[in-house]
Amino acid sequence: MPKVLIVDDAQFLRVRLTRMLTEHGYDILEAENGDRAIAQYEANAPDAVLLDITMPEKDGLEVLREIRDKHPDARVVMLTALGQQSIVLEAIKAGARDFIVKPFEQERVLSALQKALA
């Protein structure tokens, strides 16, 4: 069962993604901010990360870079709001495997994860 770390400062989004992915056989970890995400990644070595770009304190790009510096094979999919295309391009250059635009469809999340884990 693949282990996925969901990182988003919005609890409702973490809950929604957790329910969706648990129903599809994923083991879920959660983090509400960047520092917690890095700690969770180090402690649990998830197979993939769903990482929000916009968070207080440490944003998703910083987290992506920190994780990929230590773990170049990390599989990270960015979660983004509409209108953040320039940040998405920066994230892809920094090693993100894909991005999902919020609000998202279940099939888009599942396909992005499957692609990242392939």
N, C-alpha and C. Protein backbone atom coordinates (compact mmCIF):
# COMPACT_ATOMS: atom_id res chain seq x y z
N MET A 1 0.86 -1.18 0.00
CA MET A 1 0.00 0.00 0.00
C MET A 1 0.90 1.24 0.00
N PRO A 2 0.85 2.07 -1.05
CA PRO A 2 1.71 3.26 -1.10
C PRO A 2 1.36 4.26 0.01
N LYS A 3 2.40 4.84 0.57
CA LYS A 3 2.25 5.82 1.64
C LYS A 3 2.37 7.22 1.03
N VAL A 4 1.35 8.07 1.28
CA VAL A 4 1.30 9.42 0.72
C VAL A 4 1.23 10.44 1.84
N LEU A 5 2.09 11.44 1.76
CA LEU A 5 2.08 12.56 2.70
C LEU A 5 1.30 13.70 2.08
N ILE A 6 0.24 14.14 2.74
CA ILE A 6 -0.58 15.26 2.29
C ILE A 6 -0.18 16.49 3.11
N VAL A 7 0.25 17.55 2.41
CA VAL A 7 0.70 18.77 3.09
C VAL A 7 -0.14 19.93 2.62
N ASP A 8 -0.96 20.47 3.52
CA ASP A 8 -1.79 21.63 3.22
C ASP A 8 -2.18 22.28 4.53
N ASP A 9 -2.18 23.61 4.58
CA ASP A 9 -2.56 24.29 5.81
C ASP A 9 -4.07 24.27 6.04
N ALA A 10 -4.86 23.91 5.02
CA ALA A 10 -6.31 23.84 5.16
C ALA A 10 -6.72 22.43 5.60
N GLN A 11 -7.23 22.33 6.82
CA GLN A 11 -7.60 21.03 7.37
C GLN A 11 -8.67 20.34 6.52
N PHE A 12 -9.66 21.10 6.04
CA PHE A 12 -10.73 20.48 5.25
C PHE A 12 -10.18 19.80 4.00
N LEU A 13 -9.15 20.38 3.41
CA LEU A 13 -8.56 19.78 2.22
C LEU A 13 -7.80 18.51 2.57
N ARG A 14 -7.07 18.53 3.69
CA ARG A 14 -6.37 17.32 4.12
C ARG A 14 -7.37 16.21 4.40
N VAL A 15 -8.48 16.54 5.04
CA VAL A 15 -9.51 15.54 5.36
C VAL A 15 -10.11 14.98 4.07
N ARG A 16 -10.42 15.85 3.13
CA ARG A 16 -11.01 15.41 1.85
C ARG A 16 -10.06 14.48 1.10
N LEU A 17 -8.80 14.88 0.99
CA LEU A 17 -7.82 14.05 0.30
C LEU A 17 -7.57 12.72 1.03
N THR A 18 -7.52 12.78 2.36
CA THR A 18 -7.31 11.57 3.15
C THR A 18 -8.43 10.57 2.90
N ARG A 19 -9.67 11.03 2.95
CA ARG A 19 -10.81 10.13 2.70
C ARG A 19 -10.73 9.53 1.30
N MET A 20 -10.49 10.38 0.32
CA MET A 20 -10.44 9.93 -1.07
C MET A 20 -9.35 8.89 -1.28
N LEU A 21 -8.18 9.17 -0.78
CA LEU A 21 -7.04 8.28 -1.04
C LEU A 21 -7.10 7.01 -0.21
N THR A 22 -7.61 7.09 1.00
CA THR A 22 -7.77 5.90 1.83
C THR A 22 -8.73 4.91 1.16
N GLU A 23 -9.79 5.45 0.56
CA GLU A 23 -10.75 4.59 -0.15
C GLU A 23 -10.11 3.89 -1.34
N HIS A 24 -9.02 4.44 -1.85
CA HIS A 24 -8.34 3.85 -3.01
C HIS A 24 -7.06 3.11 -2.62
N GLY A 25 -6.94 2.79 -1.33
CA GLY A 25 -5.87 1.91 -0.90
C GLY A 25 -4.55 2.57 -0.52
N TYR A 26 -4.55 3.88 -0.34
CA TYR A 26 -3.32 4.56 0.07
C TYR A 26 -3.26 4.68 1.59
N ASP A 27 -2.06 4.62 2.12
CA ASP A 27 -1.79 4.87 3.53
C ASP A 27 -1.43 6.34 3.62
N ILE A 28 -2.07 7.08 4.51
CA ILE A 28 -1.94 8.55 4.52
C ILE A 28 -1.24 9.08 5.76
N LEU A 29 -0.37 10.04 5.52
CA LEU A 29 0.24 10.88 6.55
C LEU A 29 -0.19 12.30 6.25
N GLU A 30 -0.24 13.15 7.28
CA GLU A 30 -0.64 14.54 7.06
C GLU A 30 0.33 15.49 7.73
N ALA A 31 0.44 16.69 7.15
CA ALA A 31 1.19 17.78 7.75
C ALA A 31 0.48 19.08 7.42
N GLU A 32 0.43 19.98 8.39
CA GLU A 32 -0.30 21.23 8.22
C GLU A 32 0.60 22.41 7.85
N ASN A 33 1.92 22.18 7.85
CA ASN A 33 2.84 23.25 7.47
C ASN A 33 4.14 22.66 6.94
N GLY A 34 4.99 23.53 6.44
CA GLY A 34 6.23 23.09 5.81
C GLY A 34 7.20 22.38 6.74
N ASP A 35 7.38 22.93 7.93
CA ASP A 35 8.32 22.30 8.87
C ASP A 35 7.84 20.91 9.26
N ARG A 36 6.56 20.78 9.51
CA ARG A 36 5.99 19.49 9.87
C ARG A 36 6.10 18.50 8.69
N ALA A 37 5.94 19.02 7.48
CA ALA A 37 6.06 18.17 6.28
C ALA A 37 7.46 17.57 6.18
N ILE A 38 8.47 18.39 6.40
CA ILE A 38 9.84 17.91 6.32
C ILE A 38 10.10 16.88 7.41
N ALA A 39 9.62 17.14 8.61
CA ALA A 39 9.78 16.19 9.71
C ALA A 39 9.08 14.87 9.40
N GLN A 40 7.85 14.94 8.86
CA GLN A 40 7.11 13.73 8.50
C GLN A 40 7.84 12.96 7.40
N TYR A 41 8.38 13.68 6.43
CA TYR A 41 9.09 13.01 5.34
C TYR A 41 10.31 12.27 5.88
N GLU A 42 11.07 12.94 6.73
CA GLU A 42 12.27 12.32 7.30
C GLU A 42 11.93 11.10 8.17
N ALA A 43 10.86 11.20 8.93
CA ALA A 43 10.50 10.12 9.86
C ALA A 43 9.83 8.93 9.17
N ASN A 44 9.11 9.18 8.07
CA ASN A 44 8.26 8.13 7.50
C ASN A 44 8.56 7.74 6.06
N ALA A 45 9.43 8.46 5.37
CA ALA A 45 9.81 8.16 3.98
C ALA A 45 8.60 7.77 3.12
N PRO A 46 7.66 8.69 2.91
CA PRO A 46 6.49 8.36 2.09
C PRO A 46 6.88 8.08 0.65
N ASP A 47 6.02 7.35 -0.05
CA ASP A 47 6.24 7.03 -1.45
C ASP A 47 5.97 8.23 -2.35
N ALA A 48 5.08 9.13 -1.90
CA ALA A 48 4.74 10.33 -2.66
C ALA A 48 4.26 11.41 -1.71
N VAL A 49 4.31 12.66 -2.20
CA VAL A 49 3.86 13.81 -1.42
C VAL A 49 2.92 14.64 -2.27
N LEU A 50 1.78 15.02 -1.70
CA LEU A 50 0.90 16.03 -2.28
C LEU A 50 1.16 17.30 -1.48
N LEU A 51 1.72 18.32 -2.13
CA LEU A 51 2.26 19.48 -1.43
C LEU A 51 1.64 20.77 -1.91
N ASP A 52 0.96 21.47 -1.01
CA ASP A 52 0.38 22.77 -1.33
C ASP A 52 1.50 23.79 -1.55
N ILE A 53 1.31 24.67 -2.51
CA ILE A 53 2.33 25.69 -2.77
C ILE A 53 2.22 26.83 -1.75
N THR A 54 1.01 27.29 -1.50
CA THR A 54 0.83 28.47 -0.65
C THR A 54 0.51 28.08 0.78
N MET A 55 1.49 28.28 1.67
CA MET A 55 1.31 28.01 3.10
C MET A 55 2.04 29.08 3.88
N PRO A 56 1.58 29.36 5.10
CA PRO A 56 2.31 30.34 5.92
C PRO A 56 3.66 29.79 6.37
N GLU A 57 4.54 30.66 6.77
CA GLU A 57 5.88 30.35 7.26
C GLU A 57 6.77 29.80 6.16
N LYS A 58 6.67 28.54 5.83
CA LYS A 58 7.50 27.92 4.79
C LYS A 58 6.59 27.44 3.68
N ASP A 59 6.74 28.02 2.47
CA ASP A 59 5.84 27.64 1.38
C ASP A 59 6.26 26.33 0.72
N GLY A 60 5.40 25.86 -0.17
CA GLY A 60 5.62 24.57 -0.81
C GLY A 60 6.90 24.49 -1.62
N LEU A 61 7.30 25.59 -2.27
CA LEU A 61 8.55 25.58 -3.04
C LEU A 61 9.75 25.35 -2.14
N GLU A 62 9.76 26.01 -0.98
CA GLU A 62 10.86 25.81 -0.03
C GLU A 62 10.90 24.35 0.44
N VAL A 63 9.73 23.81 0.76
CA VAL A 63 9.64 22.42 1.22
C VAL A 63 10.10 21.47 0.12
N LEU A 64 9.64 21.70 -1.10
CA LEU A 64 10.06 20.88 -2.23
C LEU A 64 11.57 20.87 -2.36
N ARG A 65 12.17 22.03 -2.32
CA ARG A 65 13.63 22.12 -2.48
C ARG A 65 14.36 21.41 -1.34
N GLU A 66 13.89 21.58 -0.11
CA GLU A 66 14.54 20.93 1.02
C GLU A 66 14.44 19.40 0.93
N ILE A 67 13.26 18.92 0.58
CA ILE A 67 13.09 17.47 0.47
C ILE A 67 13.95 16.93 -0.68
N ARG A 68 13.90 17.59 -1.84
CA ARG A 68 14.65 17.10 -3.00
C ARG A 68 16.17 17.24 -2.83
N ASP A 69 16.63 18.20 -2.03
CA ASP A 69 18.07 18.32 -1.75
C ASP A 69 18.58 17.06 -1.04
N LYS A 70 17.80 16.58 -0.07
CA LYS A 70 18.20 15.40 0.70
C LYS A 70 17.78 14.09 0.03
N HIS A 71 16.70 14.15 -0.72
CA HIS A 71 16.11 12.95 -1.33
C HIS A 71 15.80 13.24 -2.80
N PRO A 72 16.79 13.18 -3.67
CA PRO A 72 16.58 13.55 -5.09
C PRO A 72 15.52 12.72 -5.81
N ASP A 73 15.22 11.54 -5.30
CA ASP A 73 14.20 10.70 -5.93
C ASP A 73 12.80 10.92 -5.37
N ALA A 74 12.64 11.91 -4.49
CA ALA A 74 11.33 12.17 -3.89
C ALA A 74 10.30 12.44 -4.98
N ARG A 75 9.12 11.88 -4.79
CA ARG A 75 8.03 12.03 -5.75
C ARG A 75 7.01 13.02 -5.18
N VAL A 76 7.05 14.23 -5.71
CA VAL A 76 6.22 15.31 -5.17
C VAL A 76 5.29 15.83 -6.25
N VAL A 77 4.01 15.94 -5.90
CA VAL A 77 2.99 16.54 -6.77
C VAL A 77 2.51 17.80 -6.06
N MET A 78 2.55 18.92 -6.76
CA MET A 78 2.17 20.19 -6.16
C MET A 78 0.66 20.41 -6.27
N LEU A 79 0.09 21.02 -5.23
CA LEU A 79 -1.31 21.45 -5.22
C LEU A 79 -1.30 22.96 -5.36
N THR A 80 -2.06 23.50 -6.30
CA THR A 80 -2.00 24.92 -6.58
C THR A 80 -3.38 25.50 -6.86
N ALA A 81 -3.52 26.77 -6.57
CA ALA A 81 -4.75 27.48 -6.92
C ALA A 81 -4.61 28.02 -8.34
N LEU A 82 -5.71 28.33 -8.96
CA LEU A 82 -5.66 28.94 -10.28
C LEU A 82 -4.84 30.23 -10.22
N GLY A 83 -4.13 30.52 -11.29
CA GLY A 83 -3.38 31.77 -11.34
C GLY A 83 -1.97 31.69 -10.80
N GLN A 84 -1.49 30.49 -10.47
CA GLN A 84 -0.13 30.35 -9.93
C GLN A 84 0.79 29.66 -10.93
N GLN A 85 0.57 29.90 -12.23
CA GLN A 85 1.32 29.20 -13.26
C GLN A 85 2.82 29.43 -13.17
N SER A 86 3.26 30.64 -12.87
CA SER A 86 4.70 30.89 -12.81
C SER A 86 5.33 30.11 -11.66
N ILE A 87 4.62 29.99 -10.56
CA ILE A 87 5.13 29.23 -9.42
C ILE A 87 5.15 27.74 -9.77
N VAL A 88 4.14 27.28 -10.50
CA VAL A 88 4.09 25.88 -10.93
C VAL A 88 5.30 25.56 -11.79
N LEU A 89 5.63 26.43 -12.73
CA LEU A 89 6.80 26.21 -13.59
C LEU A 89 8.07 26.13 -12.75
N GLU A 90 8.18 26.99 -11.76
CA GLU A 90 9.34 26.96 -10.87
C GLU A 90 9.39 25.63 -10.11
N ALA A 91 8.23 25.15 -9.67
CA ALA A 91 8.16 23.88 -8.94
C ALA A 91 8.57 22.71 -9.83
N ILE A 92 8.14 22.71 -11.08
CA ILE A 92 8.52 21.64 -12.01
C ILE A 92 10.03 21.66 -12.23
N LYS A 93 10.60 22.86 -12.39
CA LYS A 93 12.05 22.98 -12.55
C LYS A 93 12.79 22.48 -11.31
N ALA A 94 12.16 22.64 -10.14
CA ALA A 94 12.78 22.21 -8.88
C ALA A 94 12.57 20.72 -8.61
N GLY A 95 11.86 20.04 -9.50
CA GLY A 95 11.74 18.59 -9.35
C GLY A 95 10.36 18.04 -9.08
N ALA A 96 9.34 18.88 -9.03
CA ALA A 96 7.99 18.35 -8.84
C ALA A 96 7.61 17.48 -10.04
N ARG A 97 6.92 16.39 -9.79
CA ARG A 97 6.54 15.46 -10.86
C ARG A 97 5.32 15.93 -11.63
N ASP A 98 4.43 16.67 -10.96
CA ASP A 98 3.16 17.08 -11.58
C ASP A 98 2.56 18.16 -10.70
N PHE A 99 1.42 18.69 -11.14
CA PHE A 99 0.69 19.63 -10.30
C PHE A 99 -0.80 19.42 -10.50
N ILE A 100 -1.56 19.73 -9.46
CA ILE A 100 -3.01 19.59 -9.47
C ILE A 100 -3.58 20.96 -9.11
N VAL A 101 -4.51 21.45 -9.94
CA VAL A 101 -5.14 22.74 -9.69
C VAL A 101 -6.37 22.54 -8.81
N LYS A 102 -6.45 23.36 -7.75
CA LYS A 102 -7.62 23.33 -6.86
C LYS A 102 -8.67 24.29 -7.42
N PRO A 103 -9.96 24.00 -7.32
CA PRO A 103 -10.51 22.74 -6.79
C PRO A 103 -10.26 21.61 -7.79
N PHE A 104 -10.05 20.43 -7.26
CA PHE A 104 -9.63 19.31 -8.10
C PHE A 104 -10.69 18.24 -8.20
N GLU A 105 -10.59 17.45 -9.25
CA GLU A 105 -11.44 16.28 -9.45
C GLU A 105 -10.70 15.06 -8.92
N GLN A 106 -11.44 14.13 -8.38
CA GLN A 106 -10.84 12.91 -7.83
C GLN A 106 -9.95 12.21 -8.86
N GLU A 107 -10.44 12.07 -10.08
CA GLU A 107 -9.66 11.35 -11.11
C GLU A 107 -8.33 12.03 -11.39
N ARG A 108 -8.30 13.36 -11.32
CA ARG A 108 -7.04 14.09 -11.56
C ARG A 108 -6.03 13.78 -10.46
N VAL A 109 -6.49 13.74 -9.23
CA VAL A 109 -5.60 13.43 -8.10
C VAL A 109 -5.06 12.01 -8.24
N LEU A 110 -5.95 11.06 -8.51
CA LEU A 110 -5.54 9.67 -8.62
C LEU A 110 -4.56 9.47 -9.78
N SER A 111 -4.83 10.10 -10.92
CA SER A 111 -3.92 9.92 -12.06
C SER A 111 -2.57 10.57 -11.80
N ALA A 112 -2.54 11.71 -11.15
CA ALA A 112 -1.26 12.37 -10.83
C ALA A 112 -0.44 11.50 -9.88
N LEU A 113 -1.10 10.89 -8.90
CA LEU A 113 -0.39 10.02 -7.96
C LEU A 113 0.12 8.76 -8.66
N GLN A 114 -0.72 8.16 -9.48
CA GLN A 114 -0.30 6.96 -10.20
C GLN A 114 0.90 7.26 -11.09
N LYS A 115 0.86 8.41 -11.75
CA LYS A 115 1.98 8.82 -12.62
C LYS A 115 3.25 9.04 -11.79
N ALA A 116 3.12 9.69 -10.64
CA ALA A 116 4.28 9.96 -9.79
C ALA A 116 4.88 8.67 -9.24
N LEU A 117 4.04 7.69 -8.96
CA LEU A 117 4.50 6.44 -8.36
C LEU A 117 4.98 5.43 -9.40
N ALA A 118 4.71 5.68 -10.67
CA ALA A 118 5.09 4.73 -11.73
C ALA A 118 6.61 4.64 -11.89
